[in-house]
N, C-alpha and C. Protein backbone atom coordinates (compact mmCIF):
# COMPACT_ATOMS: atom_id res chain seq x y z
N UNK A 1 165.46 -185.74 -79.68
CA UNK A 1 164.73 -186.92 -79.23
C UNK A 1 165.48 -188.16 -79.70
N UNK A 2 165.68 -189.09 -78.77
CA UNK A 2 166.35 -190.33 -79.12
C UNK A 2 165.76 -191.48 -78.29
N UNK A 3 166.28 -192.67 -78.51
CA UNK A 3 165.78 -193.87 -77.85
C UNK A 3 165.76 -193.71 -76.33
N UNK A 4 166.86 -193.27 -75.75
CA UNK A 4 166.94 -193.17 -74.29
C UNK A 4 165.92 -192.19 -73.73
N UNK A 5 165.75 -191.07 -74.38
CA UNK A 5 164.77 -190.07 -73.92
C UNK A 5 163.36 -190.64 -73.99
N UNK A 6 163.05 -191.31 -75.09
CA UNK A 6 161.71 -191.89 -75.25
C UNK A 6 161.49 -192.98 -74.20
N UNK A 7 162.49 -193.81 -73.99
CA UNK A 7 162.37 -194.89 -72.98
C UNK A 7 162.12 -194.31 -71.59
N UNK A 8 162.89 -193.31 -71.22
CA UNK A 8 162.72 -192.70 -69.90
C UNK A 8 161.36 -192.05 -69.76
N UNK A 9 160.90 -191.36 -70.80
CA UNK A 9 159.58 -190.72 -70.74
C UNK A 9 158.47 -191.76 -70.63
N UNK A 10 158.63 -192.89 -71.30
CA UNK A 10 157.63 -193.95 -71.21
C UNK A 10 157.63 -194.55 -69.80
N UNK A 11 158.81 -194.78 -69.26
CA UNK A 11 158.91 -195.35 -67.91
C UNK A 11 158.32 -194.41 -66.87
N UNK A 12 158.44 -193.12 -67.07
CA UNK A 12 157.88 -192.13 -66.14
C UNK A 12 156.40 -191.85 -66.41
N UNK A 13 155.85 -192.59 -67.38
CA UNK A 13 154.45 -192.46 -67.78
C UNK A 13 154.12 -191.09 -68.36
N UNK A 14 155.13 -190.45 -68.95
CA UNK A 14 154.92 -189.19 -69.65
C UNK A 14 154.51 -189.44 -71.10
N UNK A 15 154.87 -190.62 -71.60
CA UNK A 15 154.53 -191.03 -72.96
C UNK A 15 153.67 -192.29 -72.90
N UNK A 16 152.69 -192.36 -73.81
CA UNK A 16 151.85 -193.55 -73.94
C UNK A 16 152.45 -194.45 -75.03
N UNK A 17 151.90 -195.66 -75.14
CA UNK A 17 152.35 -196.57 -76.21
C UNK A 17 152.09 -195.98 -77.58
N UNK A 18 150.97 -195.28 -77.73
CA UNK A 18 150.66 -194.69 -79.04
C UNK A 18 151.67 -193.60 -79.39
N UNK A 19 152.16 -192.88 -78.41
CA UNK A 19 153.19 -191.87 -78.66
C UNK A 19 154.50 -192.52 -79.10
N UNK A 20 154.82 -193.66 -78.49
CA UNK A 20 156.03 -194.38 -78.87
C UNK A 20 155.88 -194.90 -80.30
N UNK A 21 154.68 -195.34 -80.67
CA UNK A 21 154.43 -195.80 -82.05
C UNK A 21 154.66 -194.68 -83.05
N UNK A 22 154.27 -193.47 -82.70
CA UNK A 22 154.49 -192.32 -83.58
C UNK A 22 155.98 -192.13 -83.82
N UNK A 23 156.78 -192.33 -82.79
CA UNK A 23 158.24 -192.21 -82.94
C UNK A 23 158.77 -193.25 -83.92
N UNK A 24 158.18 -194.44 -83.94
CA UNK A 24 158.58 -195.47 -84.91
C UNK A 24 158.19 -195.00 -86.32
N UNK A 25 156.96 -194.53 -86.48
CA UNK A 25 156.49 -194.09 -87.80
C UNK A 25 157.32 -192.94 -88.35
N UNK A 26 157.82 -192.08 -87.46
CA UNK A 26 158.63 -190.95 -87.88
C UNK A 26 160.09 -191.33 -88.09
N UNK A 27 160.44 -192.58 -87.78
CA UNK A 27 161.81 -193.05 -87.98
C UNK A 27 162.77 -192.66 -86.89
N UNK A 28 162.26 -192.24 -85.74
CA UNK A 28 163.13 -191.85 -84.64
C UNK A 28 163.69 -193.08 -83.93
N UNK A 29 162.85 -194.10 -83.77
CA UNK A 29 163.29 -195.38 -83.21
C UNK A 29 162.83 -196.50 -84.13
N UNK A 30 163.38 -197.69 -83.93
CA UNK A 30 163.00 -198.84 -84.74
C UNK A 30 161.87 -199.62 -84.09
N UNK A 31 161.28 -200.54 -84.84
CA UNK A 31 160.24 -201.42 -84.29
C UNK A 31 160.81 -202.24 -83.14
N UNK A 32 162.04 -202.67 -83.27
CA UNK A 32 162.68 -203.45 -82.22
C UNK A 32 162.84 -202.62 -80.95
N UNK A 33 163.19 -201.36 -81.11
CA UNK A 33 163.32 -200.48 -79.95
C UNK A 33 161.96 -200.24 -79.30
N UNK A 34 160.90 -200.13 -80.11
CA UNK A 34 159.55 -200.01 -79.56
C UNK A 34 159.25 -201.20 -78.67
N UNK A 35 159.58 -202.40 -79.17
CA UNK A 35 159.32 -203.62 -78.42
C UNK A 35 160.14 -203.66 -77.13
N UNK A 36 161.37 -203.13 -77.19
CA UNK A 36 162.21 -203.09 -75.98
C UNK A 36 161.61 -202.12 -74.95
N UNK A 37 161.10 -201.00 -75.40
CA UNK A 37 160.54 -199.99 -74.50
C UNK A 37 159.23 -200.48 -73.88
N UNK A 38 158.34 -201.00 -74.70
CA UNK A 38 156.98 -201.31 -74.23
C UNK A 38 156.78 -202.77 -73.82
N UNK A 39 157.69 -203.64 -74.16
CA UNK A 39 157.58 -205.08 -73.93
C UNK A 39 156.40 -205.69 -74.70
N UNK A 40 156.03 -205.05 -75.80
CA UNK A 40 154.97 -205.56 -76.67
C UNK A 40 155.47 -205.56 -78.12
N UNK A 41 154.92 -206.48 -78.91
CA UNK A 41 155.26 -206.56 -80.33
C UNK A 41 154.64 -205.38 -81.04
N UNK A 42 155.44 -204.74 -81.90
CA UNK A 42 154.92 -203.61 -82.68
C UNK A 42 153.97 -204.14 -83.74
N UNK A 43 152.77 -203.60 -83.79
CA UNK A 43 151.79 -204.06 -84.76
C UNK A 43 151.25 -202.91 -85.58
């Protein structure tokens, strides 16, 4: 699992924002990458 895979899954609506947040908490992606994927500030 990496940034590109997560981004593509989010764009295809296979992943929700909460799933992307879990990837940040697990250290798979950064908060900045979360914001790039979802277009929202990580909170």
